[in-house]
PDB file of N, CA and C in Angstrom:
ATOM      1  N   MET A   1      13.314 -37.409 -57.653  1.00  0.00           N
ATOM      2  CA  MET A   1      13.925 -37.695 -56.369  1.00  0.00           C
ATOM      3  C   MET A   1      13.720 -39.151 -55.960  1.00  0.00           C
ATOM      4  N   THR A   2      12.530 -39.678 -56.232  1.00  0.00           N
ATOM      5  CA  THR A   2      12.239 -41.059 -55.885  1.00  0.00           C
ATOM      6  C   THR A   2      13.124 -42.021 -56.677  1.00  0.00           C
ATOM      7  N   SER A   3      13.362 -41.697 -57.932  1.00  0.00           N
ATOM      8  CA  SER A   3      14.223 -42.553 -58.769  1.00  0.00           C
ATOM      9  C   SER A   3      15.642 -42.613 -58.214  1.00  0.00           C
ATOM     10  N   LEU A   4      16.140 -41.504 -57.739  1.00  0.00           N
ATOM     11  CA  LEU A   4      17.486 -41.461 -57.167  1.00  0.00           C
ATOM     12  C   LEU A   4      17.572 -42.327 -55.908  1.00  0.00           C
ATOM     13  N   LEU A   5      16.553 -42.281 -55.068  1.00  0.00           N
ATOM     14  CA  LEU A   5      16.538 -43.114 -53.864  1.00  0.00           C
ATOM     15  C   LEU A   5      16.501 -44.601 -54.211  1.00  0.00           C
ATOM     16  N   TRP A   6      15.704 -44.981 -55.206  1.00  0.00           N
ATOM     17  CA  TRP A   6      15.671 -46.394 -55.628  1.00  0.00           C
ATOM     18  C   TRP A   6      17.042 -46.826 -56.180  1.00  0.00           C
ATOM     19  N   PHE A   7      17.668 -45.962 -56.958  1.00  0.00           N
ATOM     20  CA  PHE A   7      18.987 -46.276 -57.513  1.00  0.00           C
ATOM     21  C   PHE A   7      20.000 -46.508 -56.404  1.00  0.00           C
ATOM     22  N   ILE A   8      20.018 -45.659 -55.394  1.00  0.00           N
ATOM     23  CA  ILE A   8      20.941 -45.804 -54.262  1.00  0.00           C
ATOM     24  C   ILE A   8      20.629 -47.075 -53.471  1.00  0.00           C
ATOM     25  N   ALA A   9      19.341 -47.376 -53.306  1.00  0.00           N
ATOM     26  CA  ALA A   9      18.956 -48.599 -52.588  1.00  0.00           C
ATOM     27  C   ALA A   9      19.422 -49.849 -53.321  1.00  0.00           C
ATOM     28  N   ILE A  10      19.280 -49.861 -54.629  1.00  0.00           N
ATOM     29  CA  ILE A  10      19.715 -51.019 -55.425  1.00  0.00           C
ATOM     30  C   ILE A  10      21.232 -51.156 -55.363  1.00  0.00           C
ATOM     31  N   LEU A  11      21.946 -50.057 -55.457  1.00  0.00           N
ATOM     32  CA  LEU A  11      23.402 -50.110 -55.354  1.00  0.00           C
ATOM     33  C   LEU A  11      23.842 -50.634 -53.990  1.00  0.00           C
ATOM     34  N   ALA A  12      23.124 -50.298 -52.943  1.00  0.00           N
ATOM     35  CA  ALA A  12      23.460 -50.789 -51.600  1.00  0.00           C
ATOM     36  C   ALA A  12      23.118 -52.270 -51.446  1.00  0.00           C
ATOM     37  N   LEU A  13      22.125 -52.753 -52.157  1.00  0.00           N
ATOM     38  CA  LEU A  13      21.724 -54.157 -52.055  1.00  0.00           C
ATOM     39  C   LEU A  13      22.695 -55.106 -52.761  1.00  0.00           C
ATOM     40  N   ILE A  14      23.429 -54.640 -53.741  1.00  0.00           N
ATOM     41  CA  ILE A  14      24.342 -55.519 -54.484  1.00  0.00           C
ATOM     42  C   ILE A  14      25.417 -56.108 -53.562  1.00  0.00           C
ATOM     43  N   PRO A  15      26.180 -55.319 -52.805  1.00  0.00           N
ATOM     44  CA  PRO A  15      27.175 -55.920 -51.901  1.00  0.00           C
ATOM     45  C   PRO A  15      26.522 -56.792 -50.825  1.00  0.00           C
ATOM     46  N   ALA A  16      25.340 -56.375 -50.351  1.00  0.00           N
ATOM     47  CA  ALA A  16      24.660 -57.176 -49.331  1.00  0.00           C
ATOM     48  C   ALA A  16      24.252 -58.538 -49.889  1.00  0.00           C
ATOM     49  N   ALA A  17      23.770 -58.572 -51.119  1.00  0.00           N
ATOM     50  CA  ALA A  17      23.381 -59.839 -51.738  1.00  0.00           C
ATOM     51  C   ALA A  17      24.601 -60.726 -51.977  1.00  0.00           C
ATOM     52  N   LEU A  18      25.708 -60.156 -52.410  1.00  0.00           N
ATOM     53  CA  LEU A  18      26.931 -60.941 -52.618  1.00  0.00           C
ATOM     54  C   LEU A  18      27.454 -61.495 -51.301  1.00  0.00           C
ATOM     55  N   TRP A  19      27.419 -60.701 -50.250  1.00  0.00           N
ATOM     56  CA  TRP A  19      27.860 -61.162 -48.930  1.00  0.00           C
ATOM     57  C   TRP A  19      26.986 -62.318 -48.465  1.00  0.00           C
ATOM     58  N   LEU A  20      25.662 -62.202 -48.639  1.00  0.00           N
ATOM     59  CA  LEU A  20      24.738 -63.242 -48.227  1.00  0.00           C
ATOM     60  C   LEU A  20      24.940 -64.509 -49.057  1.00  0.00           C
ATOM     61  N   LEU A  21      25.188 -64.365 -50.334  1.00  0.00           N
ATOM     62  CA  LEU A  21      25.397 -65.514 -51.213  1.00  0.00           C
ATOM     63  C   LEU A  21      26.635 -66.308 -50.812  1.00  0.00           C
ATOM     64  N   LYS A  22      27.686 -65.630 -50.366  1.00  0.00           N
ATOM     65  CA  LYS A  22      28.906 -66.324 -49.948  1.00  0.00           C
ATOM     66  C   LYS A  22      28.686 -67.166 -48.700  1.00  0.00           C
ATOM     67  N   ARG A  23      27.692 -66.819 -47.896  1.00  0.00           N
ATOM     68  CA  ARG A  23      27.478 -67.494 -46.620  1.00  0.00           C
ATOM     69  C   ARG A  23      26.318 -68.473 -46.621  1.00  0.00           C
ATOM     70  N   THR A  24      25.753 -68.775 -47.780  1.00  0.00           N
ATOM     71  CA  THR A  24      24.662 -69.741 -47.864  1.00  0.00           C
ATOM     72  C   THR A  24      25.147 -70.993 -48.577  1.00  0.00           C
ATOM     73  N   PRO A  25      24.438 -72.135 -48.402  1.00  0.00           N
ATOM     74  CA  PRO A  25      24.846 -73.370 -49.106  1.00  0.00           C
ATOM     75  C   PRO A  25      24.863 -73.211 -50.623  1.00  0.00           C
ATOM     76  N   ALA A  26      23.953 -72.442 -51.184  1.00  0.00           N
ATOM     77  CA  ALA A  26      23.961 -72.225 -52.633  1.00  0.00           C
ATOM     78  C   ALA A  26      25.226 -71.497 -53.059  1.00  0.00           C
ATOM     79  N   GLY A  27      25.661 -70.551 -52.263  1.00  0.00           N
ATOM     80  CA  GLY A  27      26.898 -69.826 -52.575  1.00  0.00           C
ATOM     81  C   GLY A  27      28.115 -70.712 -52.475  1.00  0.00           C
ATOM     82  N   ALA A  28      28.101 -71.676 -51.535  1.00  0.00           N
ATOM     83  CA  ALA A  28      29.228 -72.594 -51.394  1.00  0.00           C
ATOM     84  C   ALA A  28      29.369 -73.465 -52.630  1.00  0.00           C
ATOM     85  N   MET A  29      28.254 -73.856 -53.221  1.00  0.00           N
ATOM     86  CA  MET A  29      28.316 -74.674 -54.432  1.00  0.00           C
ATOM     87  C   MET A  29      28.824 -73.877 -55.621  1.00  0.00           C
ATOM     88  N   LEU A  30      28.672 -72.575 -55.574  1.00  0.00           N
ATOM     89  CA  LEU A  30      29.146 -71.722 -56.653  1.00  0.00           C
ATOM     90  C   LEU A  30      30.589 -71.291 -56.464  1.00  0.00           C
ATOM     91  N   GLY A  31      31.259 -71.824 -55.455  1.00  0.00           N
ATOM     92  CA  GLY A  31      32.651 -71.485 -55.242  1.00  0.00           C
ATOM     93  C   GLY A  31      32.871 -70.519 -54.115  1.00  0.00           C
ATOM     94  N   GLY A  32      31.860 -70.264 -53.297  1.00  0.00           N
ATOM     95  CA  GLY A  32      32.006 -69.382 -52.153  1.00  0.00           C
ATOM     96  C   GLY A  32      32.692 -70.120 -51.019  1.00  0.00           C
ATOM     97  N   ALA A  33      32.555 -69.607 -49.807  1.00  0.00           N
ATOM     98  CA  ALA A  33      33.190 -70.211 -48.638  1.00  0.00           C
ATOM     99  C   ALA A  33      32.687 -71.631 -48.437  1.00  0.00           C
ATOM    100  N   GLY A  34      33.596 -72.565 -48.214  1.00  0.00           N
ATOM    101  CA  GLY A  34      33.225 -73.947 -47.964  1.00  0.00           C
ATOM    102  C   GLY A  34      33.135 -74.803 -49.207  1.00  0.00           C
ATOM    103  N   GLY A  35      33.210 -74.233 -50.385  1.00  0.00           N
ATOM    104  CA  GLY A  35      33.066 -75.010 -51.607  1.00  0.00           C
ATOM    105  C   GLY A  35      34.386 -75.471 -52.194  1.00  0.00           C
ATOM    106  N   ALA A  36      35.479 -75.247 -51.494  1.00  0.00           N
ATOM    107  CA  ALA A  36      36.795 -75.548 -52.052  1.00  0.00           C
ATOM    108  C   ALA A  36      37.050 -77.041 -52.178  1.00  0.00           C
ATOM    109  N   ASN A  37      36.381 -77.885 -51.407  1.00  0.00           N
ATOM    110  CA  ASN A  37      36.654 -79.315 -51.444  1.00  0.00           C
ATOM    111  C   ASN A  37      35.831 -80.055 -52.484  1.00  0.00           C
ATOM    112  N   LEU A  38      34.971 -79.392 -53.213  1.00  0.00           N
ATOM    113  CA  LEU A  38      34.125 -80.062 -54.181  1.00  0.00           C
ATOM    114  C   LEU A  38      34.792 -80.266 -55.525  1.00  0.00           C
ATOM    115  N   MET A  39      35.875 -79.563 -55.793  1.00  0.00           N
ATOM    116  CA  MET A  39      36.516 -79.666 -57.092  1.00  0.00           C
ATOM    117  C   MET A  39      38.019 -79.464 -56.937  1.00  0.00           C
ATOM    118  N   LYS A  40      38.809 -80.303 -57.613  1.00  0.00           N
ATOM    119  CA  LYS A  40      40.257 -80.096 -57.601  1.00  0.00           C
ATOM    120  C   LYS A  40      40.849 -80.532 -58.931  1.00  0.00           C
ATOM    121  N   SER A  41      41.950 -79.917 -59.284  1.00  0.00           N
ATOM    122  CA  SER A  41      42.636 -80.230 -60.527  1.00  0.00           C
ATOM    123  C   SER A  41      43.478 -81.477 -60.341  1.00  0.00           C
ATOM    124  N   VAL A  42      43.407 -82.391 -61.298  1.00  0.00           N
ATOM    125  CA  VAL A  42      44.173 -83.634 -61.242  1.00  0.00           C
ATOM    126  C   VAL A  42      45.373 -83.550 -62.172  1.00  0.00           C
ATOM    127  N   ALA A  43      45.163 -83.084 -63.397  1.00  0.00           N
ATOM    128  CA  ALA A  43      46.249 -83.015 -64.376  1.00  0.00           C
ATOM    129  C   ALA A  43      45.907 -81.991 -65.454  1.00  0.00           C
ATOM    130  N   ALA A  44      46.931 -81.509 -66.129  1.00  0.00           N
ATOM    131  CA  ALA A  44      46.745 -80.586 -67.246  1.00  0.00           C
ATOM    132  C   ALA A  44      47.785 -80.902 -68.313  1.00  0.00           C
ATOM    133  N   LEU A  45      47.356 -80.879 -69.567  1.00  0.00           N
ATOM    134  CA  LEU A  45      48.244 -81.146 -70.690  1.00  0.00           C
ATOM    135  C   LEU A  45      48.108 -80.006 -71.693  1.00  0.00           C
ATOM    136  N   PRO A  46      49.131 -79.137 -71.796  1.00  0.00           N
ATOM    137  CA  PRO A  46      49.039 -78.051 -72.778  1.00  0.00           C
ATOM    138  C   PRO A  46      49.202 -78.602 -74.195  1.00  0.00           C
ATOM    139  N   LEU A  47      48.303 -78.201 -75.074  1.00  0.00           N
ATOM    140  CA  LEU A  47      48.391 -78.608 -76.476  1.00  0.00           C
ATOM    141  C   LEU A  47      49.001 -77.509 -77.328  1.00  0.00           C
ATOM    142  N   SER A  48      48.697 -76.270 -76.981  1.00  0.00           N
ATOM    143  CA  SER A  48      49.283 -75.112 -77.654  1.00  0.00           C
ATOM    144  C   SER A  48      49.255 -73.958 -76.657  1.00  0.00           C
ATOM    145  N   ALA A  49      49.597 -72.781 -77.111  1.00  0.00           N
ATOM    146  CA  ALA A  49      49.620 -71.632 -76.208  1.00  0.00           C
ATOM    147  C   ALA A  49      48.231 -71.305 -75.663  1.00  0.00           C
ATOM    148  N   SER A  50      47.195 -71.656 -76.395  1.00  0.00           N
ATOM    149  CA  SER A  50      45.847 -71.293 -75.960  1.00  0.00           C
ATOM    150  C   SER A  50      44.916 -72.491 -75.779  1.00  0.00           C
ATOM    151  N   GLN A  51      45.410 -73.703 -75.943  1.00  0.00           N
ATOM    152  CA  GLN A  51      44.567 -74.890 -75.801  1.00  0.00           C
ATOM    153  C   GLN A  51      45.225 -75.886 -74.862  1.00  0.00           C
ATOM    154  N   ARG A  52      44.386 -76.553 -74.043  1.00  0.00           N
ATOM    155  CA  ARG A  52      44.914 -77.587 -73.162  1.00  0.00           C
ATOM    156  C   ARG A  52      43.822 -78.578 -72.809  1.00  0.00           C
ATOM    157  N   ILE A  53      44.239 -79.719 -72.335  1.00  0.00           N
ATOM    158  CA  ILE A  53      43.333 -80.736 -71.818  1.00  0.00           C
ATOM    159  C   ILE A  53      43.548 -80.784 -70.315  1.00  0.00           C
ATOM    160  N   VAL A  54      42.465 -80.683 -69.556  1.00  0.00           N
ATOM    161  CA  VAL A  54      42.528 -80.624 -68.107  1.00  0.00           C
ATOM    162  C   VAL A  54      41.659 -81.736 -67.535  1.00  0.00           C
ATOM    163  N   THR A  55      42.155 -82.415 -66.515  1.00  0.00           N
ATOM    164  CA  THR A  55      41.359 -83.403 -65.788  1.00  0.00           C
ATOM    165  C   THR A  55      41.096 -82.845 -64.401  1.00  0.00           C
ATOM    166  N   ILE A  56      39.814 -82.769 -64.031  1.00  0.00           N
ATOM    167  CA  ILE A  56      39.446 -82.290 -62.709  1.00  0.00           C
ATOM    168  C   ILE A  56      38.604 -83.344 -62.010  1.00  0.00           C
ATOM    169  N   GLU A  57      38.659 -83.339 -60.686  1.00  0.00           N
ATOM    170  CA  GLU A  57      37.830 -84.230 -59.878  1.00  0.00           C
ATOM    171  C   GLU A  57      36.724 -83.400 -59.253  1.00  0.00           C
ATOM    172  N   VAL A  58      35.485 -83.854 -59.420  1.00  0.00           N
ATOM    173  CA  VAL A  58      34.345 -83.151 -58.839  1.00  0.00           C
ATOM    174  C   VAL A  58      33.576 -84.100 -57.937  1.00  0.00           C
ATOM    175  N   GLY A  59      32.922 -83.550 -56.925  1.00  0.00           N
ATOM    176  CA  GLY A  59      32.109 -84.351 -56.025  1.00  0.00           C
ATOM    177  C   GLY A  59      32.904 -84.901 -54.865  1.00  0.00           C
ATOM    178  N   GLN A  60      32.190 -85.628 -53.996  1.00  0.00           N
ATOM    179  CA  GLN A  60      32.800 -86.226 -52.818  1.00  0.00           C
ATOM    180  C   GLN A  60      32.256 -87.635 -52.635  1.00  0.00           C
ATOM    181  N   GLY A  61      33.014 -88.473 -51.969  1.00  0.00           N
ATOM    182  CA  GLY A  61      32.559 -89.818 -51.625  1.00  0.00           C
ATOM    183  C   GLY A  61      32.262 -90.663 -52.845  1.00  0.00           C
ATOM    184  N   GLU A  62      31.111 -91.325 -52.819  1.00  0.00           N
ATOM    185  CA  GLU A  62      30.725 -92.220 -53.911  1.00  0.00           C
ATOM    186  C   GLU A  62      30.386 -91.478 -55.204  1.00  0.00           C
ATOM    187  N   SER A  63      30.058 -90.214 -55.108  1.00  0.00           N
ATOM    188  CA  SER A  63      29.669 -89.460 -56.299  1.00  0.00           C
ATOM    189  C   SER A  63      30.845 -88.753 -56.980  1.00  0.00           C
ATOM    190  N   ARG A  64      32.089 -89.076 -56.563  1.00  0.00           N
ATOM    191  CA  ARG A  64      33.264 -88.451 -57.198  1.00  0.00           C
ATOM    192  C   ARG A  64      33.378 -88.894 -58.645  1.00  0.00           C
ATOM    193  N   ARG A  65      33.744 -87.968 -59.508  1.00  0.00           N
ATOM    194  CA  ARG A  65      33.973 -88.249 -60.921  1.00  0.00           C
ATOM    195  C   ARG A  65      35.149 -87.418 -61.402  1.00  0.00           C
ATOM    196  N   TRP A  66      35.843 -87.935 -62.383  1.00  0.00           N
ATOM    197  CA  TRP A  66      36.867 -87.163 -63.076  1.00  0.00           C
ATOM    198  C   TRP A  66      36.275 -86.701 -64.393  1.00  0.00           C
ATOM    199  N   LEU A  67      36.463 -85.437 -64.701  1.00  0.00           N
ATOM    200  CA  LEU A  67      36.034 -84.868 -65.969  1.00  0.00           C
ATOM    201  C   LEU A  67      37.276 -84.493 -66.773  1.00  0.00           C
ATOM    202  N   VAL A  68      37.335 -84.963 -67.996  1.00  0.00           N
ATOM    203  CA  VAL A  68      38.418 -84.587 -68.904  1.00  0.00           C
ATOM    204  C   VAL A  68      37.849 -83.489 -69.793  1.00  0.00           C
ATOM    205  N   LEU A  69      38.450 -82.301 -69.692  1.00  0.00           N
ATOM    206  CA  LEU A  69      37.918 -81.123 -70.367  1.00  0.00           C
ATOM    207  C   LEU A  69      38.891 -80.594 -71.406  1.00  0.00           C
ATOM    208  N   GLY A  70      38.360 -80.166 -72.529  1.00  0.00           N
ATOM    209  CA  GLY A  70      39.126 -79.437 -73.522  1.00  0.00           C
ATOM    210  C   GLY A  70      38.908 -77.956 -73.270  1.00  0.00           C
ATOM    211  N   VAL A  71      39.989 -77.201 -73.052  1.00  0.00           N
ATOM    212  CA  VAL A  71      39.886 -75.791 -72.682  1.00  0.00           C
ATOM    213  C   VAL A  71      40.534 -74.933 -73.759  1.00  0.00           C
ATOM    214  N   THR A  72      39.767 -73.998 -74.280  1.00  0.00           N
ATOM    215  CA  THR A  72      40.267 -72.996 -75.222  1.00  0.00           C
ATOM    216  C   THR A  72      39.872 -71.624 -74.678  1.00  0.00           C
ATOM    217  N   PRO A  73      40.362 -70.544 -75.251  1.00  0.00           N
ATOM    218  CA  PRO A  73      39.974 -69.221 -74.752  1.00  0.00           C
ATOM    219  C   PRO A  73      38.468 -68.956 -74.854  1.00  0.00           C
ATOM    220  N   SER A  74      37.795 -69.596 -75.784  1.00  0.00           N
ATOM    221  CA  SER A  74      36.380 -69.295 -75.983  1.00  0.00           C
ATOM    222  C   SER A  74      35.427 -70.357 -75.460  1.00  0.00           C
ATOM    223  N   SER A  75      35.930 -71.543 -75.051  1.00  0.00           N
ATOM    224  CA  SER A  75      35.000 -72.576 -74.586  1.00  0.00           C
ATOM    225  C   SER A  75      35.693 -73.621 -73.727  1.00  0.00           C
ATOM    226  N   ILE A  76      34.854 -74.346 -72.990  1.00  0.00           N
ATOM    227  CA  ILE A  76      35.291 -75.511 -72.222  1.00  0.00           C
ATOM    228  C   ILE A  76      34.362 -76.647 -72.620  1.00  0.00           C
ATOM    229  N   THR A  77      34.929 -77.751 -73.113  1.00  0.00           N
ATOM    230  CA  THR A  77      34.138 -78.869 -73.605  1.00  0.00           C
ATOM    231  C   THR A  77      34.471 -80.123 -72.817  1.00  0.00           C
ATOM    232  N   THR A  78      33.447 -80.852 -72.375  1.00  0.00           N
ATOM    233  CA  THR A  78      33.670 -82.121 -71.692  1.00  0.00           C
ATOM    234  C   THR A  78      34.016 -83.172 -72.740  1.00  0.00           C
ATOM    235  N   LEU A  79      35.201 -83.752 -72.634  1.00  0.00           N
ATOM    236  CA  LEU A  79      35.641 -84.768 -73.576  1.00  0.00           C
ATOM    237  C   LEU A  79      35.323 -86.173 -73.078  1.00  0.00           C
ATOM    238  N   HIS A  80      35.389 -86.366 -71.748  1.00  0.00           N
ATOM    239  CA  HIS A  80      35.168 -87.698 -71.186  1.00  0.00           C
ATOM    240  C   HIS A  80      34.843 -87.569 -69.699  1.00  0.00           C
ATOM    241  N   THR A  81      34.039 -88.494 -69.185  1.00  0.00           N
ATOM    242  CA  THR A  81      33.740 -88.586 -67.761  1.00  0.00           C
ATOM    243  C   THR A  81      34.127 -89.982 -67.316  1.00  0.00           C
ATOM    244  N   MET A  82      34.835 -90.089 -66.178  1.00  0.00           N
ATOM    245  CA  MET A  82      35.305 -91.406 -65.742  1.00  0.00           C
ATOM    246  C   MET A  82      35.347 -91.500 -64.222  1.00  0.00           C
ATOM    247  N   GLU A  83      35.448 -92.731 -63.731  1.00  0.00           N
ATOM    248  CA  GLU A  83      35.629 -92.979 -62.306  1.00  0.00           C
ATOM    249  C   GLU A  83      37.036 -92.530 -61.921  1.00  0.00           C
ATOM    250  N   PRO A  84      37.226 -92.037 -60.699  1.00  0.00           N
ATOM    251  CA  PRO A  84      38.572 -91.648 -60.267  1.00  0.00           C
ATOM    252  C   PRO A  84      39.505 -92.853 -60.224  1.00  0.00           C
ATOM    253  N   VAL A  85      40.733 -92.645 -60.622  1.00  0.00           N
ATOM    254  CA  VAL A  85      41.752 -93.689 -60.570  1.00  0.00           C
ATOM    255  C   VAL A  85      42.419 -93.599 -59.207  1.00  0.00           C
ATOM    256  N   GLU A  86      42.260 -94.636 -58.395  1.00  0.00           N
ATOM    257  CA  GLU A  86      42.858 -94.634 -57.058  1.00  0.00           C
ATOM    258  C   GLU A  86      44.372 -94.759 -57.161  1.00  0.00           C
ATOM    259  N   GLY A  87      45.065 -94.004 -56.354  1.00  0.00           N
ATOM    260  CA  GLY A  87      46.523 -94.068 -56.323  1.00  0.00           C
ATOM    261  C   GLY A  87      47.195 -93.280 -57.429  1.00  0.00           C
ATOM    262  N   ALA A  88      46.431 -92.573 -58.239  1.00  0.00           N
ATOM    263  CA  ALA A  88      47.030 -91.774 -59.303  1.00  0.00           C
ATOM    264  C   ALA A  88      47.705 -90.553 -58.695  1.00  0.00           C
ATOM    265  N   VAL A  89      48.918 -90.303 -59.108  1.00  0.00           N
ATOM    266  CA  VAL A  89      49.680 -89.158 -58.617  1.00  0.00           C
ATOM    267  C   VAL A  89      49.637 -88.086 -59.691  1.00  0.00           C
ATOM    268  N   PRO A  90      49.188 -86.873 -59.353  1.00  0.00           N
ATOM    269  CA  PRO A  90      49.178 -85.809 -60.352  1.00  0.00           C
ATOM    270  C   PRO A  90      50.576 -85.564 -60.913  1.00  0.00           C
ATOM    271  N   ALA A  91      50.628 -85.291 -62.187  1.00  0.00           N
ATOM    272  CA  ALA A  91      51.907 -85.028 -62.845  1.00  0.00           C
ATOM    273  C   ALA A  91      52.545 -83.778 -62.269  1.00  0.00           C
ATOM    274  N   ALA A  92      53.869 -83.767 -62.224  1.00  0.00           N
ATOM    275  CA  ALA A  92      54.595 -82.603 -61.716  1.00  0.00           C
ATOM    276  C   ALA A  92      54.405 -81.438 -62.677  1.00  0.00           C
ATOM    277  N   PRO A  93      54.213 -80.239 -62.168  1.00  0.00           N
ATOM    278  CA  PRO A  93      54.055 -79.085 -63.050  1.00  0.00           C
ATOM    279  C   PRO A  93      55.310 -78.840 -63.871  1.00  0.00           C
ATOM    280  N   ALA A  94      55.126 -78.234 -65.037  1.00  0.00           N
ATOM    281  CA  ALA A  94      56.246 -77.999 -65.950  1.00  0.00           C
ATOM    282  C   ALA A  94      57.159 -76.877 -65.477  1.00  0.00           C
ATOM    283  N   GLY A  95      56.762 -76.086 -64.490  1.00  0.00           N
ATOM    284  CA  GLY A  95      57.523 -74.940 -64.017  1.00  0.00           C
ATOM    285  C   GLY A  95      58.934 -75.258 -63.563  1.00  0.00           C
ATOM    286  N   PRO A  96      59.150 -76.227 -62.667  1.00  0.00           N
ATOM    287  CA  PRO A  96      60.500 -76.482 -62.174  1.00  0.00           C
ATOM    288  C   PRO A  96      61.484 -76.902 -63.274  1.00  0.00           C
ATOM    289  N   ALA A  97      61.048 -77.657 -64.263  1.00  0.00           N
ATOM    290  CA  ALA A  97      61.944 -78.058 -65.340  1.00  0.00           C
ATOM    291  C   ALA A  97      62.406 -76.823 -66.118  1.00  0.00           C
ATOM    292  N   PHE A  98      61.507 -75.904 -66.377  1.00  0.00           N
ATOM    293  CA  PHE A  98      61.870 -74.684 -67.081  1.00  0.00           C
ATOM    294  C   PHE A  98      62.802 -73.837 -66.238  1.00  0.00           C
ATOM    295  N   ALA A  99      62.523 -73.758 -64.931  1.00  0.00           N
ATOM    296  CA  ALA A  99      63.381 -72.970 -64.036  1.00  0.00           C
ATOM    297  C   ALA A  99      64.797 -73.542 -64.016  1.00  0.00           C
ATOM    298  N   GLY A 100      64.914 -74.858 -64.006  1.00  0.00           N
ATOM    299  CA  GLY A 100      66.237 -75.484 -64.022  1.00  0.00           C
ATOM    300  C   GLY A 100      66.988 -75.190 -65.313  1.00  0.00           C
ATOM    301  N   LEU A 101      66.281 -75.257 -66.437  1.00  0.00           N
ATOM    302  CA  LEU A 101      66.899 -74.955 -67.723  1.00  0.00           C
ATOM    303  C   LEU A 101      67.345 -73.502 -67.793  1.00  0.00           C
ATOM    304  N   LEU A 102      66.514 -72.611 -67.280  1.00  0.00           N
ATOM    305  CA  LEU A 102      66.863 -71.192 -67.284  1.00  0.00           C
ATOM    306  C   LEU A 102      68.086 -70.925 -66.406  1.00  0.00           C
ATOM    307  N   ALA A 103      68.145 -71.549 -65.234  1.00  0.00           N
ATOM    308  CA  ALA A 103      69.299 -71.373 -64.352  1.00  0.00           C
ATOM    309  C   ALA A 103      70.564 -71.909 -65.009  1.00  0.00           C
ATOM    310  N   LYS A 104      70.435 -73.010 -65.720  1.00  0.00           N
ATOM    311  CA  LYS A 104      71.586 -73.606 -66.408  1.00  0.00           C
ATOM    312  C   LYS A 104      72.093 -72.680 -67.512  1.00  0.00           C
ATOM    313  N   LEU A 105      71.183 -72.036 -68.223  1.00  0.00           N
ATOM    314  CA  LEU A 105      71.582 -71.140 -69.304  1.00  0.00           C
ATOM    315  C   LEU A 105      72.169 -69.834 -68.782  1.00  0.00           C
ATOM    316  N   GLN A 106      71.768 -69.412 -67.581  1.00  0.00           N
ATOM    317  CA  GLN A 106      72.255 -68.160 -67.031  1.00  0.00           C
ATOM    318  C   GLN A 106      73.580 -68.319 -66.304  1.00  0.00           C
ATOM    319  N   ARG A 107      74.017 -69.538 -66.068  1.00  0.00           N
ATOM    320  CA  ARG A 107      75.286 -69.777 -65.383  1.00  0.00           C
ATOM    321  C   ARG A 107      76.457 -69.256 -66.230  1.00  0.00           C
ATOM    322  N   PRO A 108      77.459 -68.641 -65.610  1.00  0.00           N
ATOM    323  CA  PRO A 108      78.627 -68.170 -66.383  1.00  0.00           C
ATOM    324  C   PRO A 108      79.350 -69.346 -67.045  1.00  0.00           C
ATOM    325  N   GLN A 109      80.048 -69.074 -68.151  1.00  0.00           N
ATOM    326  CA  GLN A 109      80.722 -70.130 -68.921  1.00  0.00           C
ATOM    327  C   GLN A 109      81.755 -70.877 -68.094  1.00  0.00           C
ATOM    328  N   GLY A 110      82.440 -70.203 -67.165  1.00  0.00           N
ATOM    329  CA  GLY A 110      83.464 -70.853 -66.366  1.00  0.00           C
ATOM    330  C   GLY A 110      82.902 -71.968 -65.493  1.00  0.00           C
ATOM    331  N   ASP A 111      81.671 -71.824 -64.998  1.00  0.00           N
ATOM    332  CA  ASP A 111      81.047 -72.850 -64.181  1.00  0.00           C
ATOM    333  C   ASP A 111      80.768 -74.104 -65.006  1.00  0.00           C
ATOM    334  N   ALA A 112      80.381 -73.935 -66.259  1.00  0.00           N
ATOM    335  CA  ALA A 112      80.044 -75.075 -67.099  1.00  0.00           C
ATOM    336  C   ALA A 112      81.306 -75.874 -67.453  1.00  0.00           C
ATOM    337  N   ASP A 113      82.444 -75.187 -67.635  1.00  0.00           N
ATOM    338  CA  ASP A 113      83.686 -75.877 -67.997  1.00  0.00           C
ATOM    339  C   ASP A 113      84.291 -76.622 -66.800  1.00  0.00           C
ATOM    340  N   ALA A 114      84.033 -76.147 -65.597  1.00  0.00           N
ATOM    341  CA  ALA A 114      84.623 -76.747 -64.396  1.00  0.00           C
ATOM    342  C   ALA A 114      84.047 -78.128 -64.117  1.00  0.00           C
ATOM    343  N   ARG A 115      82.896 -78.425 -64.636  1.00  0.00           N
ATOM    344  CA  ARG A 115      82.271 -79.724 -64.362  1.00  0.00           C
ATOM    345  C   ARG A 115      82.698 -80.769 -65.277  1.00  0.00           C
TER     346      ARG A 115
END
């Protein structure tokens, strides 16, 4: 009977610990509430269906850095660390170009001849 009570107590503590972690400074650094401004994506370059190079910005103020990461399904490797480039504009996502091509291919033949 005592073992069952301990098991129930531990199960009840898990959500309580997660809730508390989200509301503490340590939880914010781990991506909880308030930690959204510490990291942002700058650019991504797909190399294949499962590999890409990603540049992210971490930190704030004078401690900001850009990390160039190699991302595969099984690992993330830091390829380079650099100072942020001021005035750099993130590349446009590849989605709209594909959407435009798809819309062009789905258009009826009569629309293409009229132009």
